[in-house]
Amino acid sequence: IKAACSAFIYSLSIADQFIKTGMATNILVVGAEVQTPQLD
């Protein structure tokens, strides 16, 4: 999910829907950023 600062929250929300609908049981939700290379 590429949604900048809110990506992790959106990811949790999507995972919640997959769990609630029975489409998944255990979902690994990860938020990770490395922005150092973009800084000049």
Full PDB file with SEQRES, HELIX, SHEET, SSBOND, CRYST1, ORIGX, SCALE, CONECT and MASTER records, all heavy atoms in Angstrom:
SEQRES   1 A   40  ILE LYS ALA ALA CYS SER ALA PHE ILE TYR SER LEU SER          
SEQRES   2 A   40  ILE ALA ASP GLN PHE ILE LYS THR GLY MET ALA THR ASN          
SEQRES   3 A   40  ILE LEU VAL VAL GLY ALA GLU VAL GLN THR PRO GLN LEU          
SEQRES   4 A   40  ASP                                                          
HELIX    1 AA1 ALA A    4  SER A    6  5                                   3    
HELIX    2 AA2 ALA A    7  LYS A   20  1                                  14    
HELIX    3 AA3 THR A   36  GLN A   38  5                                   3    
CRYST1    1.000    1.000    1.000  90.00  90.00  90.00 P 1           1          
ORIGX1      1.000000  0.000000  0.000000        0.00000                         
ORIGX2      0.000000  1.000000  0.000000        0.00000                         
ORIGX3      0.000000  0.000000  1.000000        0.00000                         
SCALE1      1.000000  0.000000  0.000000        0.00000                         
SCALE2      0.000000  1.000000  0.000000        0.00000                         
SCALE3      0.000000  0.000000  1.000000        0.00000                         
ATOM      1  N   ILE A   1       0.877  -1.165   0.000  1.00  0.00           N  
ATOM      2  CA  ILE A   1       0.000   0.000   0.000  1.00  0.00           C  
ATOM      3  C   ILE A   1       0.918   1.220   0.000  1.00  0.00           C  
ATOM      4  O   ILE A   1       1.701   1.407   0.923  1.00  0.00           O  
ATOM      5  CB  ILE A   1      -0.908   0.028   1.252  1.00  0.00           C  
ATOM      6  CG1 ILE A   1      -1.796  -1.207   1.307  1.00  0.00           C  
ATOM      7  CG2 ILE A   1      -1.722   1.317   1.299  1.00  0.00           C  
ATOM      8  CD1 ILE A   1      -2.775  -1.334   0.161  1.00  0.00           C  
ATOM      9  N   LYS A   2       0.825   2.022  -1.039  1.00  0.00           N  
ATOM     10  CA  LYS A   2       1.673   3.207  -1.156  1.00  0.00           C  
ATOM     11  C   LYS A   2       0.816   4.440  -0.914  1.00  0.00           C  
ATOM     12  O   LYS A   2       0.233   4.987  -1.828  1.00  0.00           O  
ATOM     13  CB  LYS A   2       2.338   3.243  -2.527  1.00  0.00           C  
ATOM     14  CG  LYS A   2       3.281   2.077  -2.716  1.00  0.00           C  
ATOM     15  CD  LYS A   2       4.154   2.266  -3.918  1.00  0.00           C  
ATOM     16  CE  LYS A   2       5.130   1.126  -3.989  1.00  0.00           C  
ATOM     17  NZ  LYS A   2       6.479   1.552  -3.984  1.00  0.00           N  
ATOM     18  N   ALA A   3       0.752   4.834   0.352  1.00  0.00           N  
ATOM     19  CA  ALA A   3      -0.094   5.965   0.722  1.00  0.00           C  
ATOM     20  C   ALA A   3       0.632   6.896   1.693  1.00  0.00           C  
ATOM     21  O   ALA A   3       0.022   7.458   2.599  1.00  0.00           O  
ATOM     22  CB  ALA A   3      -1.404   5.468   1.326  1.00  0.00           C  
ATOM     23  N   ALA A   4       1.935   7.015   1.522  1.00  0.00           N  
ATOM     24  CA  ALA A   4       2.763   7.916   2.334  1.00  0.00           C  
ATOM     25  C   ALA A   4       2.541   7.686   3.820  1.00  0.00           C  
ATOM     26  O   ALA A   4       2.519   6.550   4.276  1.00  0.00           O  
ATOM     27  CB  ALA A   4       2.550   9.363   1.924  1.00  0.00           C  
ATOM     28  N   CYS A   5       2.349   8.748   4.580  1.00  0.00           N  
ATOM     29  CA  CYS A   5       2.274   8.667   6.047  1.00  0.00           C  
ATOM     30  C   CYS A   5       1.135   7.778   6.542  1.00  0.00           C  
ATOM     31  O   CYS A   5       1.223   7.190   7.613  1.00  0.00           O  
ATOM     32  CB  CYS A   5       2.140  10.061   6.645  1.00  0.00           C  
ATOM     33  SG  CYS A   5       3.554  11.117   6.308  1.00  0.00           S  
ATOM     34  N   SER A   6       0.075   7.671   5.788  1.00  0.00           N  
ATOM     35  CA  SER A   6      -1.084   6.894   6.235  1.00  0.00           C  
ATOM     36  C   SER A   6      -1.063   5.441   5.758  1.00  0.00           C  
ATOM     37  O   SER A   6      -1.999   4.690   6.051  1.00  0.00           O  
ATOM     38  CB  SER A   6      -2.374   7.571   5.760  1.00  0.00           C  
ATOM     39  OG  SER A   6      -2.368   7.678   4.352  1.00  0.00           O  
ATOM     40  N   ALA A   7      -0.017   5.004   5.080  1.00  0.00           N  
ATOM     41  CA  ALA A   7       0.027   3.657   4.502  1.00  0.00           C  
ATOM     42  C   ALA A   7      -0.156   2.555   5.537  1.00  0.00           C  
ATOM     43  O   ALA A   7      -0.869   1.576   5.290  1.00  0.00           O  
ATOM     44  CB  ALA A   7       1.325   3.451   3.732  1.00  0.00           C  
ATOM     45  N   PHE A   8       0.472   2.686   6.698  1.00  0.00           N  
ATOM     46  CA  PHE A   8       0.348   1.639   7.711  1.00  0.00           C  
ATOM     47  C   PHE A   8      -1.082   1.567   8.249  1.00  0.00           C  
ATOM     48  O   PHE A   8      -1.633   0.478   8.426  1.00  0.00           O  
ATOM     49  CB  PHE A   8       1.340   1.860   8.853  1.00  0.00           C  
ATOM     50  CG  PHE A   8       1.316   0.761   9.873  1.00  0.00           C  
ATOM     51  CD1 PHE A   8       1.818  -0.494   9.582  1.00  0.00           C  
ATOM     52  CD2 PHE A   8       0.764   0.974  11.122  1.00  0.00           C  
ATOM     53  CE1 PHE A   8       1.785  -1.518  10.514  1.00  0.00           C  
ATOM     54  CE2 PHE A   8       0.720  -0.033  12.072  1.00  0.00           C  
ATOM     55  CZ  PHE A   8       1.236  -1.288  11.769  1.00  0.00           C  
ATOM     56  N   ILE A   9      -1.711   2.712   8.475  1.00  0.00           N  
ATOM     57  CA  ILE A   9      -3.094   2.722   8.974  1.00  0.00           C  
ATOM     58  C   ILE A   9      -4.038   2.115   7.936  1.00  0.00           C  
ATOM     59  O   ILE A   9      -4.920   1.321   8.277  1.00  0.00           O  
ATOM     60  CB  ILE A   9      -3.536   4.157   9.336  1.00  0.00           C  
ATOM     61  CG1 ILE A   9      -2.639   4.729  10.433  1.00  0.00           C  
ATOM     62  CG2 ILE A   9      -5.004   4.209   9.733  1.00  0.00           C  
ATOM     63  CD1 ILE A   9      -2.630   3.943  11.731  1.00  0.00           C  
ATOM     64  N   TYR A  10      -3.852   2.473   6.673  1.00  0.00           N  
ATOM     65  CA  TYR A  10      -4.656   1.851   5.611  1.00  0.00           C  
ATOM     66  C   TYR A  10      -4.414   0.347   5.567  1.00  0.00           C  
ATOM     67  O   TYR A  10      -5.352  -0.439   5.389  1.00  0.00           O  
ATOM     68  CB  TYR A  10      -4.343   2.459   4.244  1.00  0.00           C  
ATOM     69  CG  TYR A  10      -4.981   3.797   4.006  1.00  0.00           C  
ATOM     70  CD1 TYR A  10      -4.224   4.867   3.545  1.00  0.00           C  
ATOM     71  CD2 TYR A  10      -6.345   4.003   4.204  1.00  0.00           C  
ATOM     72  CE1 TYR A  10      -4.797   6.109   3.314  1.00  0.00           C  
ATOM     73  CE2 TYR A  10      -6.926   5.242   3.969  1.00  0.00           C  
ATOM     74  CZ  TYR A  10      -6.145   6.283   3.526  1.00  0.00           C  
ATOM     75  OH  TYR A  10      -6.709   7.511   3.294  1.00  0.00           O  
ATOM     76  N   SER A  11      -3.158  -0.072   5.730  1.00  0.00           N  
ATOM     77  CA  SER A  11      -2.832  -1.502   5.715  1.00  0.00           C  
ATOM     78  C   SER A  11      -3.550  -2.239   6.839  1.00  0.00           C  
ATOM     79  O   SER A  11      -4.097  -3.329   6.628  1.00  0.00           O  
ATOM     80  CB  SER A  11      -1.321  -1.705   5.831  1.00  0.00           C  
ATOM     81  OG  SER A  11      -0.656  -1.131   4.730  1.00  0.00           O  
ATOM     82  N   LEU A  12      -3.559  -1.662   8.041  1.00  0.00           N  
ATOM     83  CA  LEU A  12      -4.297  -2.266   9.158  1.00  0.00           C  
ATOM     84  C   LEU A  12      -5.789  -2.363   8.850  1.00  0.00           C  
ATOM     85  O   LEU A  12      -6.439  -3.380   9.136  1.00  0.00           O  
ATOM     86  CB  LEU A  12      -4.099  -1.444  10.435  1.00  0.00           C  
ATOM     87  CG  LEU A  12      -2.787  -1.603  11.176  1.00  0.00           C  
ATOM     88  CD1 LEU A  12      -2.716  -0.609  12.328  1.00  0.00           C  
ATOM     89  CD2 LEU A  12      -2.609  -3.022  11.691  1.00  0.00           C  
ATOM     90  N   SER A  13      -6.334  -1.305   8.259  1.00  0.00           N  
ATOM     91  CA  SER A  13      -7.754  -1.280   7.927  1.00  0.00           C  
ATOM     92  C   SER A  13      -8.109  -2.361   6.898  1.00  0.00           C  
ATOM     93  O   SER A  13      -9.136  -3.052   7.033  1.00  0.00           O  
ATOM     94  CB  SER A  13      -8.128   0.098   7.394  1.00  0.00           C  
ATOM     95  OG  SER A  13      -9.458   0.127   6.968  1.00  0.00           O  
ATOM     96  N   ILE A  14      -7.264  -2.519   5.912  1.00  0.00           N  
ATOM     97  CA  ILE A  14      -7.495  -3.549   4.890  1.00  0.00           C  
ATOM     98  C   ILE A  14      -7.386  -4.940   5.507  1.00  0.00           C  
ATOM     99  O   ILE A  14      -8.209  -5.823   5.240  1.00  0.00           O  
ATOM    100  CB  ILE A  14      -6.518  -3.364   3.714  1.00  0.00           C  
ATOM    101  CG1 ILE A  14      -6.830  -2.057   2.973  1.00  0.00           C  
ATOM    102  CG2 ILE A  14      -6.562  -4.566   2.769  1.00  0.00           C  
ATOM    103  CD1 ILE A  14      -5.734  -1.608   2.026  1.00  0.00           C  
ATOM    104  N   ALA A  15      -6.365  -5.133   6.347  1.00  0.00           N  
ATOM    105  CA  ALA A  15      -6.207  -6.426   7.023  1.00  0.00           C  
ATOM    106  C   ALA A  15      -7.446  -6.743   7.860  1.00  0.00           C  
ATOM    107  O   ALA A  15      -7.935  -7.884   7.862  1.00  0.00           O  
ATOM    108  CB  ALA A  15      -4.951  -6.411   7.889  1.00  0.00           C  
ATOM    109  N   ASP A  16      -7.955  -5.740   8.563  1.00  0.00           N  
ATOM    110  CA  ASP A  16      -9.146  -5.917   9.382  1.00  0.00           C  
ATOM    111  C   ASP A  16     -10.311  -6.434   8.541  1.00  0.00           C  
ATOM    112  O   ASP A  16     -11.046  -7.330   8.971  1.00  0.00           O  
ATOM    113  CB  ASP A  16      -9.492  -4.574  10.045  1.00  0.00           C  
ATOM    114  CG  ASP A  16     -10.732  -4.643  10.902  1.00  0.00           C  
ATOM    115  OD1 ASP A  16     -10.808  -5.518  11.793  1.00  0.00           O  
ATOM    116  OD2 ASP A  16     -11.640  -3.796  10.699  1.00  0.00           O  
ATOM    117  N   GLN A  17     -10.483  -5.888   7.357  1.00  0.00           N  
ATOM    118  CA  GLN A  17     -11.593  -6.318   6.500  1.00  0.00           C  
ATOM    119  C   GLN A  17     -11.413  -7.763   6.015  1.00  0.00           C  
ATOM    120  O   GLN A  17     -12.387  -8.518   5.937  1.00  0.00           O  
ATOM    121  CB  GLN A  17     -11.758  -5.365   5.313  1.00  0.00           C  
ATOM    122  CG  GLN A  17     -12.132  -3.955   5.723  1.00  0.00           C  
ATOM    123  CD  GLN A  17     -13.347  -3.916   6.636  1.00  0.00           C  
ATOM    124  OE1 GLN A  17     -14.385  -4.480   6.320  1.00  0.00           O  
ATOM    125  NE2 GLN A  17     -13.208  -3.275   7.779  1.00  0.00           N  
ATOM    126  N   PHE A  18     -10.174  -8.145   5.686  1.00  0.00           N  
ATOM    127  CA  PHE A  18      -9.924  -9.538   5.285  1.00  0.00           C  
ATOM    128  C   PHE A  18     -10.213 -10.493   6.442  1.00  0.00           C  
ATOM    129  O   PHE A  18     -10.759 -11.588   6.227  1.00  0.00           O  
ATOM    130  CB  PHE A  18      -8.479  -9.713   4.799  1.00  0.00           C  
ATOM    131  CG  PHE A  18      -8.286  -9.398   3.349  1.00  0.00           C  
ATOM    132  CD1 PHE A  18      -7.764  -8.179   2.956  1.00  0.00           C  
ATOM    133  CD2 PHE A  18      -8.599 -10.326   2.363  1.00  0.00           C  
ATOM    134  CE1 PHE A  18      -7.572  -7.883   1.619  1.00  0.00           C  
ATOM    135  CE2 PHE A  18      -8.418 -10.041   1.020  1.00  0.00           C  
ATOM    136  CZ  PHE A  18      -7.904  -8.814   0.642  1.00  0.00           C  
ATOM    137  N   ILE A  19      -9.862 -10.110   7.666  1.00  0.00           N  
ATOM    138  CA  ILE A  19     -10.136 -10.948   8.838  1.00  0.00           C  
ATOM    139  C   ILE A  19     -11.640 -11.029   9.080  1.00  0.00           C  
ATOM    140  O   ILE A  19     -12.207 -12.117   9.249  1.00  0.00           O  
ATOM    141  CB  ILE A  19      -9.435 -10.380  10.103  1.00  0.00           C  
ATOM    142  CG1 ILE A  19      -7.914 -10.351   9.942  1.00  0.00           C  
ATOM    143  CG2 ILE A  19      -9.869 -11.135  11.367  1.00  0.00           C  
ATOM    144  CD1 ILE A  19      -7.226 -11.687   9.984  1.00  0.00           C  
ATOM    145  N   LYS A  20     -12.310  -9.882   9.096  1.00  0.00           N  
ATOM    146  CA  LYS A  20     -13.751  -9.845   9.401  1.00  0.00           C  
ATOM    147  C   LYS A  20     -14.586 -10.624   8.397  1.00  0.00           C  
ATOM    148  O   LYS A  20     -15.618 -11.183   8.750  1.00  0.00           O  
ATOM    149  CB  LYS A  20     -14.243  -8.404   9.485  1.00  0.00           C  
ATOM    150  CG  LYS A  20     -13.836  -7.721  10.764  1.00  0.00           C  
ATOM    151  CD  LYS A  20     -14.347  -6.301  10.826  1.00  0.00           C  
ATOM    152  CE  LYS A  20     -14.004  -5.685  12.176  1.00  0.00           C  
ATOM    153  NZ  LYS A  20     -14.377  -4.267  12.227  1.00  0.00           N  
ATOM    154  N   THR A  21     -14.159 -10.650   7.142  1.00  0.00           N  
ATOM    155  CA  THR A  21     -14.922 -11.384   6.127  1.00  0.00           C  
ATOM    156  C   THR A  21     -14.543 -12.864   6.055  1.00  0.00           C  
ATOM    157  O   THR A  21     -15.132 -13.602   5.268  1.00  0.00           O  
ATOM    158  CB  THR A  21     -14.719 -10.751   4.730  1.00  0.00           C  
ATOM    159  OG1 THR A  21     -13.333 -10.813   4.389  1.00  0.00           O  
ATOM    160  CG2 THR A  21     -15.232  -9.320   4.700  1.00  0.00           C  
ATOM    161  N   GLY A  22     -13.567 -13.276   6.843  1.00  0.00           N  
ATOM    162  CA  GLY A  22     -13.153 -14.678   6.841  1.00  0.00           C  
ATOM    163  C   GLY A  22     -12.215 -15.049   5.704  1.00  0.00           C  
ATOM    164  O   GLY A  22     -11.925 -16.220   5.501  1.00  0.00           O  
ATOM    165  N   MET A  23     -11.749 -14.067   4.962  1.00  0.00           N  
ATOM    166  CA  MET A  23     -10.850 -14.333   3.832  1.00  0.00           C  
ATOM    167  C   MET A  23      -9.423 -14.634   4.289  1.00  0.00           C  
ATOM    168  O   MET A  23      -8.634 -15.183   3.532  1.00  0.00           O  
ATOM    169  CB  MET A  23     -10.844 -13.146   2.870  1.00  0.00           C  
ATOM    170  CG  MET A  23     -12.173 -12.859   2.217  1.00  0.00           C  
ATOM    171  SD  MET A  23     -12.702 -14.158   1.085  1.00  0.00           S  
ATOM    172  CE  MET A  23     -11.476 -13.988  -0.189  1.00  0.00           C  
ATOM    173  N   ALA A  24      -9.087 -14.270   5.522  1.00  0.00           N  
ATOM    174  CA  ALA A  24      -7.748 -14.531   6.055  1.00  0.00           C  
ATOM    175  C   ALA A  24      -7.847 -14.689   7.565  1.00  0.00           C  
ATOM    176  O   ALA A  24      -8.811 -14.233   8.188  1.00  0.00           O  
ATOM    177  CB  ALA A  24      -6.799 -13.388   5.709  1.00  0.00           C  
ATOM    178  N   THR A  25      -6.845 -15.342   8.133  1.00  0.00           N  
ATOM    179  CA  THR A  25      -6.812 -15.570   9.575  1.00  0.00           C  
ATOM    180  C   THR A  25      -5.668 -14.809  10.236  1.00  0.00           C  
ATOM    181  O   THR A  25      -5.864 -14.104  11.210  1.00  0.00           O  
ATOM    182  CB  THR A  25      -6.674 -17.076   9.883  1.00  0.00           C  
ATOM    183  OG1 THR A  25      -7.745 -17.769   9.257  1.00  0.00           O  
ATOM    184  CG2 THR A  25      -6.695 -17.334  11.372  1.00  0.00           C  
ATOM    185  N   ASN A  26      -4.457 -14.978   9.701  1.00  0.00           N  
ATOM    186  CA  ASN A  26      -3.272 -14.300  10.237  1.00  0.00           C  
ATOM    187  C   ASN A  26      -2.627 -13.479   9.132  1.00  0.00           C  
ATOM    188  O   ASN A  26      -2.125 -14.041   8.151  1.00  0.00           O  
ATOM    189  CB  ASN A  26      -2.248 -15.306  10.765  1.00  0.00           C  
ATOM    190  CG  ASN A  26      -2.726 -16.034  11.995  1.00  0.00           C  
ATOM    191  OD1 ASN A  26      -3.212 -15.422  12.925  1.00  0.00           O  
ATOM    192  ND2 ASN A  26      -2.601 -17.357  11.987  1.00  0.00           N  
ATOM    193  N   ILE A  27      -2.636 -12.175   9.300  1.00  0.00           N  
ATOM    194  CA  ILE A  27      -2.075 -11.279   8.285  1.00  0.00           C  
ATOM    195  C   ILE A  27      -0.883 -10.549   8.879  1.00  0.00           C  
ATOM    196  O   ILE A  27      -0.974  -9.960   9.955  1.00  0.00           O  
ATOM    197  CB  ILE A  27      -3.126 -10.266   7.793  1.00  0.00           C  
ATOM    198  CG1 ILE A  27      -4.339 -11.004   7.214  1.00  0.00           C  
ATOM    199  CG2 ILE A  27      -2.507  -9.323   6.749  1.00  0.00           C  
ATOM    200  CD1 ILE A  27      -5.484 -10.089   6.804  1.00  0.00           C  
ATOM    201  N   LEU A  28       0.216 -10.620   8.162  1.00  0.00           N  
ATOM    202  CA  LEU A  28       1.405  -9.861   8.553  1.00  0.00           C  
ATOM    203  C   LEU A  28       1.278  -8.470   7.947  1.00  0.00           C  
ATOM    204  O   LEU A  28       1.259  -8.308   6.728  1.00  0.00           O  
ATOM    205  CB  LEU A  28       2.671 -10.554   8.030  1.00  0.00           C  
ATOM    206  CG  LEU A  28       3.998  -9.836   8.277  1.00  0.00           C  
ATOM    207  CD1 LEU A  28       4.286  -9.689   9.762  1.00  0.00           C  
ATOM    208  CD2 LEU A  28       5.128 -10.594   7.578  1.00  0.00           C  
ATOM    209  N   VAL A  29       1.132  -7.457   8.804  1.00  0.00           N  
ATOM    210  CA  VAL A  29       1.034  -6.065   8.369  1.00  0.00           C  
ATOM    211  C   VAL A  29       2.319  -5.363   8.778  1.00  0.00           C  
ATOM    212  O   VAL A  29       2.703  -5.395   9.944  1.00  0.00           O  
ATOM    213  CB  VAL A  29      -0.181  -5.348   8.995  1.00  0.00           C  
ATOM    214  CG1 VAL A  29      -0.235  -3.890   8.558  1.00  0.00           C  
ATOM    215  CG2 VAL A  29      -1.474  -6.068   8.627  1.00  0.00           C  
ATOM    216  N   VAL A  30       2.974  -4.758   7.793  1.00  0.00           N  
ATOM    217  CA  VAL A  30       4.277  -4.145   8.029  1.00  0.00           C  
ATOM    218  C   VAL A  30       4.277  -2.710   7.513  1.00  0.00           C  
ATOM    219  O   VAL A  30       3.775  -2.436   6.426  1.00  0.00           O  
ATOM    220  CB  VAL A  30       5.395  -4.932   7.293  1.00  0.00           C  
ATOM    221  CG1 VAL A  30       6.758  -4.323   7.562  1.00  0.00           C  
ATOM    222  CG2 VAL A  30       5.369  -6.406   7.673  1.00  0.00           C  
ATOM    223  N   GLY A  31       4.857  -1.821   8.296  1.00  0.00           N  
ATOM    224  CA  GLY A  31       5.115  -0.454   7.842  1.00  0.00           C  
ATOM    225  C   GLY A  31       6.627  -0.259   7.854  1.00  0.00           C  
ATOM    226  O   GLY A  31       7.264  -0.496   8.887  1.00  0.00           O  
ATOM    227  N   ALA A  32       7.201   0.122   6.727  1.00  0.00           N  
ATOM    228  CA  ALA A  32       8.662   0.300   6.656  1.00  0.00           C  
ATOM    229  C   ALA A  32       8.999   1.399   5.661  1.00  0.00           C  
ATOM    230  O   ALA A  32       8.426   1.454   4.573  1.00  0.00           O  
ATOM    231  CB  ALA A  32       9.347  -1.001   6.244  1.00  0.00           C  
ATOM    232  N   GLU A  33       9.930   2.252   6.055  1.00  0.00           N  
ATOM    233  CA  GLU A  33      10.372   3.350   5.191  1.00  0.00           C  
ATOM    234  C   GLU A  33      11.879   3.547   5.319  1.00  0.00           C  
ATOM    235  O   GLU A  33      12.411   3.500   6.423  1.00  0.00           O  
ATOM    236  CB  GLU A  33       9.709   4.678   5.570  1.00  0.00           C  
ATOM    237  CG  GLU A  33       8.221   4.734   5.410  1.00  0.00           C  
ATOM    238  CD  GLU A  33       7.746   4.757   3.968  1.00  0.00           C  
ATOM    239  OE1 GLU A  33       8.570   4.921   3.042  1.00  0.00           O  
ATOM    240  OE2 GLU A  33       6.539   4.608   3.770  1.00  0.00           O  
ATOM    241  N   VAL A  34      12.529   3.786   4.204  1.00  0.00           N  
ATOM    242  CA  VAL A  34      13.918   4.244   4.185  1.00  0.00           C  
ATOM    243  C   VAL A  34      13.945   5.438   3.245  1.00  0.00           C  
ATOM    244  O   VAL A  34      13.897   5.279   2.028  1.00  0.00           O  
ATOM    245  CB  VAL A  34      14.918   3.159   3.707  1.00  0.00           C  
ATOM    246  CG1 VAL A  34      16.309   3.736   3.571  1.00  0.00           C  
ATOM    247  CG2 VAL A  34      14.923   1.978   4.670  1.00  0.00           C  
ATOM    248  N   GLN A  35      13.984   6.632   3.820  1.00  0.00           N  
ATOM    249  CA  GLN A  35      13.947   7.829   2.992  1.00  0.00           C  
ATOM    250  C   GLN A  35      15.302   8.560   2.938  1.00  0.00           C  
ATOM    251  O   GLN A  35      15.430   9.538   2.225  1.00  0.00           O  
ATOM    252  CB  GLN A  35      12.856   8.773   3.493  1.00  0.00           C  
ATOM    253  CG  GLN A  35      11.492   8.140   3.316  1.00  0.00           C  
ATOM    254  CD  GLN A  35      10.361   9.073   3.680  1.00  0.00           C  
ATOM    255  OE1 GLN A  35      10.557  10.207   4.070  1.00  0.00           O  
ATOM    256  NE2 GLN A  35       9.146   8.582   3.542  1.00  0.00           N  
ATOM    257  N   THR A  36      16.278   8.059   3.680  1.00  0.00           N  
ATOM    258  CA  THR A  36      17.598   8.682   3.697  1.00  0.00           C  
ATOM    259  C   THR A  36      18.171   8.893   2.301  1.00  0.00           C  
ATOM    260  O   THR A  36      18.687   9.975   2.007  1.00  0.00           O  
ATOM    261  CB  THR A  36      18.569   7.867   4.570  1.00  0.00           C  
ATOM    262  OG1 THR A  36      17.969   7.631   5.840  1.00  0.00           O  
ATOM    263  CG2 THR A  36      19.876   8.586   4.772  1.00  0.00           C  
ATOM    264  N   PRO A  37      18.094   7.906   1.391  1.00  0.00           N  
ATOM    265  CA  PRO A  37      18.699   8.107   0.058  1.00  0.00           C  
ATOM    266  C   PRO A  37      18.074   9.250  -0.745  1.00  0.00           C  
ATOM    267  O   PRO A  37      18.696   9.775  -1.649  1.00  0.00           O  
ATOM    268  CB  PRO A  37      18.460   6.767  -0.654  1.00  0.00           C  
ATOM    269  CG  PRO A  37      18.250   5.788   0.438  1.00  0.00           C  
ATOM    270  CD  PRO A  37      17.590   6.542   1.562  1.00  0.00           C  
ATOM    271  N   GLN A  38      16.838   9.630  -0.414  1.00  0.00           N  
ATOM    272  CA  GLN A  38      16.169  10.690  -1.162  1.00  0.00           C  
ATOM    273  C   GLN A  38      16.555  12.101  -0.663  1.00  0.00           C  
ATOM    274  O   GLN A  38      16.186  13.076  -1.275  1.00  0.00           O  
ATOM    275  CB  GLN A  38      14.650  10.553  -1.079  1.00  0.00           C  
ATOM    276  CG  GLN A  38      14.077   9.467  -1.959  1.00  0.00           C  
ATOM    277  CD  GLN A  38      14.281   8.085  -1.375  1.00  0.00           C  
ATOM    278  OE1 GLN A  38      14.168   7.884  -0.186  1.00  0.00           O  
ATOM    279  NE2 GLN A  38      14.570   7.112  -2.227  1.00  0.00           N  
ATOM    280  N   LEU A  39      17.274  12.176   0.433  1.00  0.00           N  
ATOM    281  CA  LEU A  39      17.631  13.472   1.007  1.00  0.00           C  
ATOM    282  C   LEU A  39      18.944  13.964   0.447  1.00  0.00           C  
ATOM    283  O   LEU A  39      19.933  13.242   0.410  1.00  0.00           O  
ATOM    284  CB  LEU A  39      17.731  13.366   2.538  1.00  0.00           C  
ATOM    285  CG  LEU A  39      16.466  12.906   3.240  1.00  0.00           C  
ATOM    286  CD1 LEU A  39      16.728  12.754   4.728  1.00  0.00           C  
ATOM    287  CD2 LEU A  39      15.317  13.862   2.992  1.00  0.00           C  
ATOM    288  N   ASP A  40      18.942  15.202  -0.012  1.00  0.00           N  
ATOM    289  CA  ASP A  40      20.138  15.825  -0.569  1.00  0.00           C  
ATOM    290  C   ASP A  40      20.354  17.154   0.139  1.00  0.00           C  
ATOM    291  O   ASP A  40      19.636  18.116  -0.102  1.00  0.00           O  
ATOM    292  CB  ASP A  40      19.986  16.025  -2.076  1.00  0.00           C  
ATOM    293  CG  ASP A  40      21.203  16.661  -2.720  1.00  0.00           C  
ATOM    294  OD1 ASP A  40      22.220  16.903  -2.022  1.00  0.00           O  
ATOM    295  OD2 ASP A  40      21.148  16.909  -3.936  1.00  0.00           O  
TER     296      ASP A  40                                                      
MASTER        0    0    0    3    0    0    0    6  295    1    0    4          
END                                                                             
